[in-house]
Amino acid sequence: MSTAVNRRNRVDHLTQEVARSLATKVVLFHSALAGRLGLNATALKCLDVLRSADPPLTATELAQRTGLTGGAITTIADRLEAEGFIERVRDPHDRRRWDLRASASSRQAVLDLFAPLRNSIATICEAFTDQELDVVTEFLTKLGTAMDVAADDLRT
């Protein structure tokens, strides 16, 4: 088998089998995690966006970032606020603006549930050299960017 065919087979396997399987496992993991918190997966991912946002986001900004409608974001924000996962904070410089901020308790709850997976990932990383970890990090970063672009394309 030629090197070109072998490489194409590797790329095909990675893009068609490994990535697809991993994407399914990620969605199912997040669904299970959301269920443990009493949320659905969409609300969990909105909470995750809010947890990592700096500066905090408004509902409109969260809708733009997630591609969800304003009505869906309002429903999700109401539920997250009622359950204590987020707080709505009035902007001191613009009284019409309300920021959505993840509560400290929600940050800790999510971190606690992620701890076993984080530990497993750390153990897996021990088998790789620093250079290999750099390649994995670069690959996953570029994959994340490609997924952002693909999601934006699907929304338009």
Foldseek 3Di string as FASTA:
>chain_A
DDPVVVVVVVVCCCVPPVVVVVVVVVQVVLQVLQVVLVHGSVLVVLLVCQAPDVPFDFLVVSCVQVVHDSVVSVVSLVVCVVSQQWDWDADPVDRVTTGIHGDPVNVVSSCVVCVVVVVVVVVVCVVDDPVVVVVVVVVVVVVVVVVSVVVVVVSD
